[in-house]
C-alpha atoms as a PDB file:
ATOM      1  CA  MET A   1     125.925 -48.895  49.762  1.00  0.00           C
ATOM      2  CA  ASP A   2     127.901 -45.276  49.570  1.00  0.00           C
ATOM      3  CA  LEU A   3     125.497 -43.460  47.339  1.00  0.00           C
ATOM      4  CA  LEU A   4     122.330 -44.506  49.830  1.00  0.00           C
ATOM      5  CA  VAL A   5     124.230 -43.087  52.033  1.00  0.00           C
ATOM      6  CA  TYR A   6     125.037 -39.347  50.018  1.00  0.00           C
ATOM      7  CA  ALA A   7     121.074 -40.148  48.327  1.00  0.00           C
ATOM      8  CA  LEU A   8     120.057 -39.527  52.263  1.00  0.00           C
ATOM      9  CA  VAL A   9     122.561 -36.895  53.819  1.00  0.00           C
ATOM     10  CA  SER A  10     121.868 -34.257  50.660  1.00  0.00           C
ATOM     11  CA  GLY A  11     117.825 -35.535  50.843  1.00  0.00           C
ATOM     12  CA  VAL A  12     117.617 -34.769  54.072  1.00  0.00           C
ATOM     13  CA  LEU A  13     119.176 -31.131  53.410  1.00  0.00           C
ATOM     14  CA  TYR A  14     117.788 -30.489  50.744  1.00  0.00           C
ATOM     15  CA  GLY A  15     114.185 -31.145  52.319  1.00  0.00           C
ATOM     16  CA  VAL A  16     114.955 -28.758  55.136  1.00  0.00           C
ATOM     17  CA  PHE A  17     115.558 -26.245  52.614  1.00  0.00           C
ATOM     18  CA  PHE A  18     112.280 -27.744  50.284  1.00  0.00           C
ATOM     19  CA  ALA A  19     110.270 -27.072  53.469  1.00  0.00           C
ATOM     20  CA  LEU A  20     111.099 -23.875  53.942  1.00  0.00           C
ATOM     21  CA  VAL A  21     110.119 -23.326  50.394  1.00  0.00           C
ATOM     22  CA  GLY A  22     106.756 -24.230  50.582  1.00  0.00           C
ATOM     23  CA  LEU A  23     106.319 -22.909  54.416  1.00  0.00           C
ATOM     24  CA  GLY A  24     104.919 -19.593  53.151  1.00  0.00           C
ATOM     25  CA  LEU A  25     102.641 -20.630  50.490  1.00  0.00           C
ATOM     26  CA  SER A  26     101.050 -22.795  53.945  1.00  0.00           C
ATOM     27  CA  LEU A  27     100.743 -20.386  55.955  1.00  0.00           C
ATOM     28  CA  ILE A  28      99.165 -18.183  53.676  1.00  0.00           C
ATOM     29  CA  PHE A  29      96.836 -20.172  52.016  1.00  0.00           C
ATOM     30  CA  GLY A  30      96.042 -21.780  56.475  1.00  0.00           C
ATOM     31  CA  VAL A  31      95.410 -17.726  57.151  1.00  0.00           C
ATOM     32  CA  MET A  32      93.578 -16.770  54.150  1.00  0.00           C
ATOM     33  CA  ARG A  33      92.689 -20.258  51.800  1.00  0.00           C
ATOM     34  CA  VAL A  34      94.173 -18.676  48.800  1.00  0.00           C
ATOM     35  CA  VAL A  35      96.007 -19.841  46.137  1.00  0.00           C
ATOM     36  CA  ASN A  36      99.422 -17.692  45.368  1.00  0.00           C
ATOM     37  CA  VAL A  37     100.377 -19.646  42.184  1.00  0.00           C
ATOM     38  CA  ALA A  38     102.774 -16.420  42.229  1.00  0.00           C
ATOM     39  CA  HIS A  39     104.595 -17.651  45.044  1.00  0.00           C
ATOM     40  CA  GLY A  40     107.329 -19.480  42.750  1.00  0.00           C
ATOM     41  CA  ASP A  41     107.636 -16.023  40.778  1.00  0.00           C
ATOM     42  CA  VAL A  42     108.267 -14.719  44.462  1.00  0.00           C
ATOM     43  CA  ILE A  43     110.780 -16.891  44.918  1.00  0.00           C
ATOM     44  CA  MET A  44     113.106 -15.965  41.942  1.00  0.00           C
ATOM     45  CA  TRP A  45     112.326 -12.419  43.010  1.00  0.00           C
ATOM     46  CA  GLY A  46     114.378 -13.350  46.549  1.00  0.00           C
ATOM     47  CA  ALA A  47     116.898 -15.516  44.309  1.00  0.00           C
ATOM     48  CA  PHE A  48     117.637 -11.898  42.055  1.00  0.00           C
ATOM     49  CA  SER A  49     118.007 -10.043  44.792  1.00  0.00           C
ATOM     50  CA  SER A  50     119.939 -11.562  46.460  1.00  0.00           C
ATOM     51  CA  PHE A  51     122.324 -11.794  43.659  1.00  0.00           C
ATOM     52  CA  TRP A  52     122.137  -8.300  43.144  1.00  0.00           C
ATOM     53  CA  LEU A  53     122.886  -7.309  46.501  1.00  0.00           C
ATOM     54  CA  TYR A  54     126.430  -9.525  46.165  1.00  0.00           C
ATOM     55  CA  THR A  55     127.090  -8.114  42.481  1.00  0.00           C
ATOM     56  CA  LEU A  56     125.954  -4.712  43.103  1.00  0.00           C
ATOM     57  CA  TRP A  57     127.481  -4.269  47.075  1.00  0.00           C
ATOM     58  CA  HIS A  58     129.291  -7.384  47.233  1.00  0.00           C
ATOM     59  CA  ILE A  59     126.256  -8.280  50.623  1.00  0.00           C
ATOM     60  CA  GLY A  60     126.059 -11.652  50.419  1.00  0.00           C
ATOM     61  CA  PRO A  61     123.250 -14.148  51.400  1.00  0.00           C
ATOM     62  CA  VAL A  62     123.413 -14.713  54.925  1.00  0.00           C
ATOM     63  CA  LEU A  63     123.707 -10.503  55.564  1.00  0.00           C
ATOM     64  CA  ALA A  64     120.806 -10.420  52.478  1.00  0.00           C
ATOM     65  CA  LEU A  65     118.561 -11.966  54.367  1.00  0.00           C
ATOM     66  CA  PRO A  66     116.697  -9.512  56.955  1.00  0.00           C
ATOM     67  CA  ILE A  67     116.991  -7.319  53.745  1.00  0.00           C
ATOM     68  CA  ILE A  68     115.151  -9.655  51.663  1.00  0.00           C
ATOM     69  CA  PHE A  69     112.835 -10.522  54.001  1.00  0.00           C
ATOM     70  CA  VAL A  70     111.714  -7.142  55.542  1.00  0.00           C
ATOM     71  CA  SER A  71     111.586  -5.263  51.595  1.00  0.00           C
ATOM     72  CA  PHE A  72     109.330  -8.649  50.832  1.00  0.00           C
ATOM     73  CA  PHE A  73     107.356  -8.831  53.814  1.00  0.00           C
ATOM     74  CA  VAL A  74     106.550  -4.973  53.013  1.00  0.00           C
ATOM     75  CA  PHE A  75     105.617  -6.147  49.530  1.00  0.00           C
ATOM     76  CA  GLY A  76     103.204  -8.926  51.174  1.00  0.00           C
ATOM     77  CA  CYS A  77     101.412  -5.823  53.332  1.00  0.00           C
ATOM     78  CA  ILE A  78     101.059  -3.711  49.684  1.00  0.00           C
ATOM     79  CA  ILE A  79      99.467  -7.213  47.565  1.00  0.00           C
ATOM     80  CA  TYR A  80      97.557  -7.945  50.629  1.00  0.00           C
ATOM     81  CA  TYR A  81      95.649  -4.758  50.591  1.00  0.00           C
ATOM     82  CA  GLY A  82      95.448  -4.302  46.566  1.00  0.00           C
ATOM     83  CA  ILE A  83      94.144  -7.494  46.114  1.00  0.00           C
ATOM     84  CA  VAL A  84      93.382  -9.984  49.168  1.00  0.00           C
ATOM     85  CA  PRO A  85      90.623  -8.423  50.784  1.00  0.00           C
ATOM     86  CA  ARG A  86      88.748  -8.168  47.039  1.00  0.00           C
ATOM     87  CA  ILE A  87      89.251 -12.023  46.726  1.00  0.00           C
ATOM     88  CA  LEU A  88      88.087 -12.659  50.155  1.00  0.00           C
ATOM     89  CA  GLN A  89      84.764 -11.205  49.343  1.00  0.00           C
ATOM     90  CA  ALA A  90      84.519 -13.197  45.811  1.00  0.00           C
ATOM     91  CA  GLU A  91      81.945 -16.439  46.465  1.00  0.00           C
ATOM     92  CA  ASP A  92      84.539 -18.718  45.502  1.00  0.00           C
ATOM     93  CA  PRO A  93      87.763 -17.229  47.093  1.00  0.00           C
ATOM     94  CA  GLU A  94      90.275 -20.163  46.231  1.00  0.00           C
ATOM     95  CA  LEU A  95      89.145 -19.736  42.191  1.00  0.00           C
ATOM     96  CA  ALA A  96      89.538 -16.150  42.386  1.00  0.00           C
ATOM     97  CA  SER A  97      93.096 -16.379  43.458  1.00  0.00           C
ATOM     98  CA  LEU A  98      94.198 -18.858  41.282  1.00  0.00           C
ATOM     99  CA  ILE A  99      93.307 -16.837  38.902  1.00  0.00           C
ATOM    100  CA  VAL A 100      94.546 -13.595  39.983  1.00  0.00           C
ATOM    101  CA  PHE A 101      97.679 -14.821  41.109  1.00  0.00           C
ATOM    102  CA  PHE A 102      98.526 -16.430  38.047  1.00  0.00           C
ATOM    103  CA  GLY A 103      98.039 -12.741  36.197  1.00  0.00           C
ATOM    104  CA  VAL A 104     100.670 -11.455  39.119  1.00  0.00           C
ATOM    105  CA  SER A 105     102.848 -14.852  38.226  1.00  0.00           C
ATOM    106  CA  GLN A 106     102.832 -13.526  34.942  1.00  0.00           C
ATOM    107  CA  VAL A 107     103.916  -9.935  35.458  1.00  0.00           C
ATOM    108  CA  LEU A 108     106.285 -10.863  37.499  1.00  0.00           C
ATOM    109  CA  GLU A 109     107.997 -13.014  35.520  1.00  0.00           C
ATOM    110  CA  ALA A 110     107.705 -10.366  32.558  1.00  0.00           C
ATOM    111  CA  ILE A 111     109.194  -7.875  34.647  1.00  0.00           C
ATOM    112  CA  ALA A 112     111.803  -9.659  35.635  1.00  0.00           C
ATOM    113  CA  THR A 113     112.454 -11.006  31.559  1.00  0.00           C
ATOM    114  CA  ILE A 114     112.494  -7.357  31.281  1.00  0.00           C
ATOM    115  CA  ALA A 115     114.814  -6.039  33.785  1.00  0.00           C
ATOM    116  CA  PHE A 116     117.350  -9.336  33.527  1.00  0.00           C
ATOM    117  CA  GLY A 117     117.500 -11.083  30.355  1.00  0.00           C
ATOM    118  CA  ASN A 118     117.277 -14.683  30.430  1.00  0.00           C
ATOM    119  CA  THR A 119     121.043 -15.043  31.325  1.00  0.00           C
ATOM    120  CA  GLN A 120     121.208 -17.498  33.950  1.00  0.00           C
ATOM    121  CA  ARG A 121     123.062 -16.312  37.200  1.00  0.00           C
ATOM    122  CA  SER A 122     124.221 -18.009  40.134  1.00  0.00           C
ATOM    123  CA  LEU A 123     126.187 -16.833  43.152  1.00  0.00           C
ATOM    124  CA  PRO A 124     129.740 -18.440  44.304  1.00  0.00           C
ATOM    125  CA  ASP A 125     130.100 -21.583  45.974  1.00  0.00           C
ATOM    126  CA  SER A 126     132.570 -19.538  48.729  1.00  0.00           C
ATOM    127  CA  LEU A 127     129.732 -17.159  49.591  1.00  0.00           C
ATOM    128  CA  LEU A 128     128.957 -20.529  52.238  1.00  0.00           C
ATOM    129  CA  GLY A 129     132.213 -21.664  52.166  1.00  0.00           C
ATOM    130  CA  GLY A 130     134.371 -23.101  49.527  1.00  0.00           C
ATOM    131  CA  ARG A 131     135.323 -26.626  51.334  1.00  0.00           C
ATOM    132  CA  PRO A 132     133.320 -29.494  50.417  1.00  0.00           C
ATOM    133  CA  VAL A 133     131.722 -31.528  53.962  1.00  0.00           C
ATOM    134  CA  HIS A 134     133.079 -35.201  55.085  1.00  0.00           C
ATOM    135  CA  LEU A 135     130.291 -36.841  56.133  1.00  0.00           C
ATOM    136  CA  PHE A 136     130.391 -40.829  56.881  1.00  0.00           C
ATOM    137  CA  GLY A 137     132.923 -41.328  53.797  1.00  0.00           C
ATOM    138  CA  GLN A 138     131.217 -38.596  51.196  1.00  0.00           C
ATOM    139  CA  SER A 139     132.399 -35.089  50.221  1.00  0.00           C
ATOM    140  CA  PHE A 140     128.801 -32.779  50.043  1.00  0.00           C
ATOM    141  CA  PRO A 141     128.908 -29.190  49.098  1.00  0.00           C
ATOM    142  CA  GLN A 142     129.986 -26.823  52.586  1.00  0.00           C
ATOM    143  CA  SER A 143     126.893 -24.605  50.783  1.00  0.00           C
ATOM    144  CA  TRP A 144     124.363 -27.111  51.452  1.00  0.00           C
ATOM    145  CA  PHE A 145     124.535 -27.313  54.907  1.00  0.00           C
ATOM    146  CA  TRP A 146     124.636 -23.854  55.509  1.00  0.00           C
ATOM    147  CA  THR A 147     121.652 -23.345  53.513  1.00  0.00           C
ATOM    148  CA  GLY A 148     120.097 -26.664  55.863  1.00  0.00           C
ATOM    149  CA  LEU A 149     121.027 -24.958  58.771  1.00  0.00           C
ATOM    150  CA  ILE A 150     119.553 -21.306  58.225  1.00  0.00           C
ATOM    151  CA  SER A 151     116.486 -22.900  56.587  1.00  0.00           C
ATOM    152  CA  ALA A 152     116.111 -24.886  59.846  1.00  0.00           C
ATOM    153  CA  ALA A 153     116.294 -21.436  61.736  1.00  0.00           C
ATOM    154  CA  ALA A 154     113.951 -19.753  60.128  1.00  0.00           C
ATOM    155  CA  ILE A 155     111.393 -23.058  59.953  1.00  0.00           C
ATOM    156  CA  VAL A 156     112.282 -22.917  64.018  1.00  0.00           C
ATOM    157  CA  LEU A 157     111.501 -18.828  64.107  1.00  0.00           C
ATOM    158  CA  VAL A 158     107.614 -20.044  62.281  1.00  0.00           C
ATOM    159  CA  TYR A 159     106.997 -22.371  65.210  1.00  0.00           C
ATOM    160  CA  LEU A 160     107.998 -20.150  67.952  1.00  0.00           C
ATOM    161  CA  TYR A 161     105.894 -17.439  66.552  1.00  0.00           C
ATOM    162  CA  LEU A 162     103.389 -19.558  66.000  1.00  0.00           C
ATOM    163  CA  SER A 163     103.394 -21.343  69.528  1.00  0.00           C
ATOM    164  CA  HIS A 164     104.656 -19.259  71.751  1.00  0.00           C
ATOM    165  CA  THR A 165     103.303 -15.946  71.111  1.00  0.00           C
ATOM    166  CA  ARG A 166     100.097 -14.254  71.362  1.00  0.00           C
ATOM    167  CA  THR A 167      99.630 -13.032  67.529  1.00  0.00           C
ATOM    168  CA  GLY A 168     100.697 -16.902  66.275  1.00  0.00           C
ATOM    169  CA  TYR A 169      97.690 -17.892  69.050  1.00  0.00           C
ATOM    170  CA  ALA A 170      95.615 -15.807  66.888  1.00  0.00           C
ATOM    171  CA  THR A 171      96.895 -17.030  63.830  1.00  0.00           C
ATOM    172  CA  ARG A 172      96.039 -20.482  64.648  1.00  0.00           C
ATOM    173  CA  ALA A 173      92.887 -19.202  65.393  1.00  0.00           C
ATOM    174  CA  ILE A 174      92.186 -18.311  62.286  1.00  0.00           C
ATOM    175  CA  MET A 175      93.345 -20.558  61.020  1.00  0.00           C
ATOM    176  CA  SER A 176      91.105 -23.158  62.510  1.00  0.00           C
ATOM    177  CA  ASN A 177      87.999 -20.782  62.036  1.00  0.00           C
ATOM    178  CA  ARG A 178      88.238 -17.947  59.857  1.00  0.00           C
ATOM    179  CA  GLN A 179      84.572 -16.552  61.502  1.00  0.00           C
ATOM    180  CA  GLU A 180      84.519 -17.782  64.937  1.00  0.00           C
ATOM    181  CA  ALA A 181      88.608 -16.159  65.568  1.00  0.00           C
ATOM    182  CA  ALA A 182      86.174 -12.626  64.996  1.00  0.00           C
ATOM    183  CA  SER A 183      83.452 -13.529  67.047  1.00  0.00           C
ATOM    184  CA  VAL A 184      85.870 -13.188  70.007  1.00  0.00           C
ATOM    185  CA  GLY A 185      87.709 -10.250  69.083  1.00  0.00           C
ATOM    186  CA  VAL A 186      90.781 -10.894  67.160  1.00  0.00           C
ATOM    187  CA  ASN A 187      91.342  -8.593  64.256  1.00  0.00           C
ATOM    188  CA  VAL A 188      91.343 -11.213  61.497  1.00  0.00           C
ATOM    189  CA  SER A 189      92.163  -8.228  58.552  1.00  0.00           C
ATOM    190  CA  ALA A 190      95.350  -7.054  61.042  1.00  0.00           C
ATOM    191  CA  LEU A 191      96.371 -10.097  61.462  1.00  0.00           C
ATOM    192  CA  SER A 192      95.349 -11.740  57.822  1.00  0.00           C
ATOM    193  CA  ALA A 193      97.658  -8.503  57.087  1.00  0.00           C
ATOM    194  CA  LEU A 194     100.677  -9.857  59.052  1.00  0.00           C
ATOM    195  CA  ASN A 195     101.157 -13.518  57.604  1.00  0.00           C
ATOM    196  CA  PHE A 196     100.324 -12.390  54.002  1.00  0.00           C
ATOM    197  CA  GLY A 197     103.890  -9.723  54.745  1.00  0.00           C
ATOM    198  CA  ILE A 198     105.579 -12.769  56.930  1.00  0.00           C
ATOM    199  CA  GLY A 199     104.797 -15.781  54.069  1.00  0.00           C
ATOM    200  CA  ILE A 200     106.121 -13.118  51.458  1.00  0.00           C
ATOM    201  CA  GLY A 201     108.879 -12.954  53.155  1.00  0.00           C
ATOM    202  CA  LEU A 202     109.606 -16.251  53.597  1.00  0.00           C
ATOM    203  CA  ALA A 203     109.422 -17.418  50.221  1.00  0.00           C
ATOM    204  CA  ALA A 204     111.726 -14.708  49.746  1.00  0.00           C
ATOM    205  CA  ILE A 205     114.135 -16.485  52.172  1.00  0.00           C
ATOM    206  CA  PRO A 206     114.962 -19.781  50.347  1.00  0.00           C
ATOM    207  CA  GLY A 207     115.192 -17.529  46.628  1.00  0.00           C
ATOM    208  CA  CYS A 208     118.796 -16.282  48.113  1.00  0.00           C
ATOM    209  CA  PHE A 209     120.001 -20.257  48.280  1.00  0.00           C
ATOM    210  CA  VAL A 210     118.133 -21.324  45.463  1.00  0.00           C
ATOM    211  CA  SER A 211     121.207 -21.083  43.550  1.00  0.00           C
ATOM    212  CA  PHE A 212     123.486 -23.051  46.296  1.00  0.00           C
ATOM    213  CA  ILE A 213     120.834 -25.977  45.654  1.00  0.00           C
ATOM    214  CA  ALA A 214     119.779 -25.530  41.620  1.00  0.00           C
ATOM    215  CA  GLY A 215     122.747 -24.228  40.460  1.00  0.00           C
ATOM    216  CA  ASN A 216     120.914 -21.541  38.537  1.00  0.00           C
ATOM    217  CA  ILE A 217     118.308 -18.483  38.149  1.00  0.00           C
ATOM    218  CA  SER A 218     116.706 -16.988  36.123  1.00  0.00           C
ATOM    219  CA  PRO A 219     113.499 -15.429  35.001  1.00  0.00           C
ATOM    220  CA  ASP A 220     111.835 -18.624  34.263  1.00  0.00           C
ATOM    221  CA  ILE A 221     112.602 -21.207  37.840  1.00  0.00           C
ATOM    222  CA  GLY A 222     109.573 -19.596  39.228  1.00  0.00           C
ATOM    223  CA  LEU A 223     106.917 -22.087  37.688  1.00  0.00           C
ATOM    224  CA  ASN A 224     109.080 -25.095  38.878  1.00  0.00           C
ATOM    225  CA  LEU A 225     109.223 -23.965  42.400  1.00  0.00           C
ATOM    226  CA  THR A 226     105.837 -23.622  42.602  1.00  0.00           C
ATOM    227  CA  VAL A 227     105.030 -26.511  41.459  1.00  0.00           C
ATOM    228  CA  ILE A 228     107.136 -28.412  44.108  1.00  0.00           C
ATOM    229  CA  SER A 229     105.890 -25.493  46.466  1.00  0.00           C
ATOM    230  CA  PHE A 230     102.479 -27.194  46.254  1.00  0.00           C
ATOM    231  CA  ALA A 231     103.083 -30.512  46.770  1.00  0.00           C
ATOM    232  CA  VAL A 232     105.549 -29.878  49.309  1.00  0.00           C
ATOM    233  CA  ILE A 233     102.387 -28.468  51.295  1.00  0.00           C
ATOM    234  CA  VAL A 234      99.815 -30.443  49.745  1.00  0.00           C
ATOM    235  CA  VAL A 235     102.126 -34.059  50.624  1.00  0.00           C
ATOM    236  CA  GLY A 236     102.684 -32.189  54.090  1.00  0.00           C
ATOM    237  CA  SER A 237      98.916 -31.415  54.294  1.00  0.00           C
ATOM    238  CA  LEU A 238      97.540 -28.500  52.972  1.00  0.00           C
ATOM    239  CA  GLY A 239      97.296 -25.783  54.795  1.00  0.00           C
ATOM    240  CA  LYS A 240      99.285 -26.711  58.251  1.00  0.00           C
ATOM    241  CA  PRO A 241     102.510 -24.950  57.848  1.00  0.00           C
ATOM    242  CA  LEU A 242     104.487 -26.296  60.309  1.00  0.00           C
ATOM    243  CA  GLY A 243     103.170 -30.091  57.923  1.00  0.00           C
ATOM    244  CA  ALA A 244     105.726 -28.401  54.859  1.00  0.00           C
ATOM    245  CA  VAL A 245     108.494 -29.015  57.406  1.00  0.00           C
ATOM    246  CA  LEU A 246     107.024 -32.737  56.815  1.00  0.00           C
ATOM    247  CA  GLY A 247     106.567 -32.213  53.090  1.00  0.00           C
ATOM    248  CA  GLY A 248     110.050 -30.986  52.298  1.00  0.00           C
ATOM    249  CA  LEU A 249     111.579 -33.547  54.020  1.00  0.00           C
ATOM    250  CA  VAL A 250     109.847 -36.363  52.339  1.00  0.00           C
ATOM    251  CA  TYR A 251     109.830 -34.649  48.732  1.00  0.00           C
ATOM    252  CA  GLY A 252     114.252 -33.653  49.096  1.00  0.00           C
ATOM    253  CA  VAL A 253     114.493 -37.307  50.230  1.00  0.00           C
ATOM    254  CA  ALA A 254     112.597 -38.450  47.414  1.00  0.00           C
ATOM    255  CA  THR A 255     114.332 -36.088  44.508  1.00  0.00           C
ATOM    256  CA  ALA A 256     118.143 -37.441  46.272  1.00  0.00           C
ATOM    257  CA  LEU A 257     116.928 -40.950  45.278  1.00  0.00           C
ATOM    258  CA  MET A 258     115.580 -40.185  41.795  1.00  0.00           C
ATOM    259  CA  GLN A 259     119.029 -38.192  40.528  1.00  0.00           C
ATOM    260  CA  THR A 260     120.948 -40.929  42.410  1.00  0.00           C
ATOM    261  CA  TYR A 261     119.060 -44.396  41.029  1.00  0.00           C
ATOM    262  CA  LEU A 262     116.596 -42.774  38.269  1.00  0.00           C
ATOM    263  CA  PRO A 263     117.488 -39.356  36.963  1.00  0.00           C
ATOM    264  CA  SER A 264     116.041 -39.298  33.636  1.00  0.00           C
ATOM    265  CA  TRP A 265     112.696 -39.619  35.958  1.00  0.00           C
ATOM    266  CA  ALA A 266     113.352 -37.030  38.731  1.00  0.00           C
ATOM    267  CA  ALA A 267     112.137 -34.042  36.846  1.00  0.00           C
ATOM    268  CA  LEU A 268     108.418 -36.017  37.108  1.00  0.00           C
ATOM    269  CA  LEU A 269     108.800 -36.294  40.958  1.00  0.00           C
ATOM    270  CA  PRO A 270     106.266 -33.450  42.445  1.00  0.00           C
ATOM    271  CA  ASN A 271     103.698 -34.668  39.891  1.00  0.00           C
ATOM    272  CA  VAL A 272     103.835 -38.312  40.339  1.00  0.00           C
ATOM    273  CA  LEU A 273     104.085 -37.396  44.568  1.00  0.00           C
ATOM    274  CA  LEU A 274     101.243 -34.597  44.499  1.00  0.00           C
ATOM    275  CA  ILE A 275      99.368 -37.338  41.997  1.00  0.00           C
ATOM    276  CA  LEU A 276      99.877 -40.546  44.625  1.00  0.00           C
ATOM    277  CA  ILE A 277      99.064 -38.718  47.881  1.00  0.00           C
ATOM    278  CA  MET A 278      96.229 -37.453  46.386  1.00  0.00           C
ATOM    279  CA  LEU A 279      94.730 -40.839  45.665  1.00  0.00           C
ATOM    280  CA  ALA A 280      96.042 -42.026  48.972  1.00  0.00           C
ATOM    281  CA  ARG A 281      95.362 -39.485  51.153  1.00  0.00           C
ATOM    282  CA  PRO A 282      93.567 -36.284  50.174  1.00  0.00           C
ATOM    283  CA  GLY A 283      93.966 -34.698  53.915  1.00  0.00           C
ATOM    284  CA  GLY A 284      98.252 -35.238  53.191  1.00  0.00           C
ATOM    285  CA  LEU A 285     100.085 -37.495  55.381  1.00  0.00           C
ATOM    286  CA  LEU A 286      99.230 -35.628  58.666  1.00  0.00           C
ATOM    287  CA  GLY A 287      96.042 -36.664  57.535  1.00  0.00           C
ATOM    288  CA  SER A 288      93.532 -33.350  58.196  1.00  0.00           C
ATOM    289  CA  GLU A 289      91.045 -32.501  55.661  1.00  0.00           C
ATOM    290  CA  VAL A 290      91.262 -29.269  54.052  1.00  0.00           C
ATOM    291  CA  ARG A 291      89.547 -27.038  56.554  1.00  0.00           C
ATOM    292  CA  ARG A 292      85.921 -24.777  55.146  1.00  0.00           C
ATOM    293  CA  ALA A 293      85.782 -21.119  56.103  1.00  0.00           C
END
């Protein structure tokens, strides 16, 4: 029973974090139908940015968040205007984006390997509180709770943006039907750039906390993070940003249970979840089909 309680609590904390991991990817796909397979590499670069801000200037991950988000937002806007409009003109934007961003992924990993080497790095747990948290008779790292809290706050801000701002309303209109949104005066290109930048910035935020959840960061973690991100958003419903929250919680709890009871099989979880969900509910747990523009 104690193991089950530990797995469920840690699973919820993992789940909120993984929801944020998938959120930016889902936002980008929902607005533009762009399959960003470099998503995990952006998270990896966010992790290294946080590491070096602390190493060089003693800026902790919490204080580094606005710096990293703004920096990656600008980077995302540059990538958008340099690549995405051409992708959207392709006959099959999804396939074109898959190919192009696979190349971007390889470039980002190669640059990181050249710049940082293959040595694994991590941030000290003391940056998010060194003392354990005692709950339900179990002890949990305090860093997990801070990571979950900050991830939840970021998710709430995205919800408020999409549901309570004029820009968010227009963004949801584009998600529903890009052509109809343009026909009623929505500046689709500008909003696409804005949301691509936000999506890349959101990817960098969980990077600040990867070492507290995964233990270490290195240039080759991007692929695994991309697979996890796709598992999360497919489980929740592809193209629905807030569906990533449900997908993240399902993935987080399932991961914690697997690591507790079947640790040798835990690495297979993202692939198994993807297969099972696609077979049982191709539209994801929320039941919506992938939109066609």
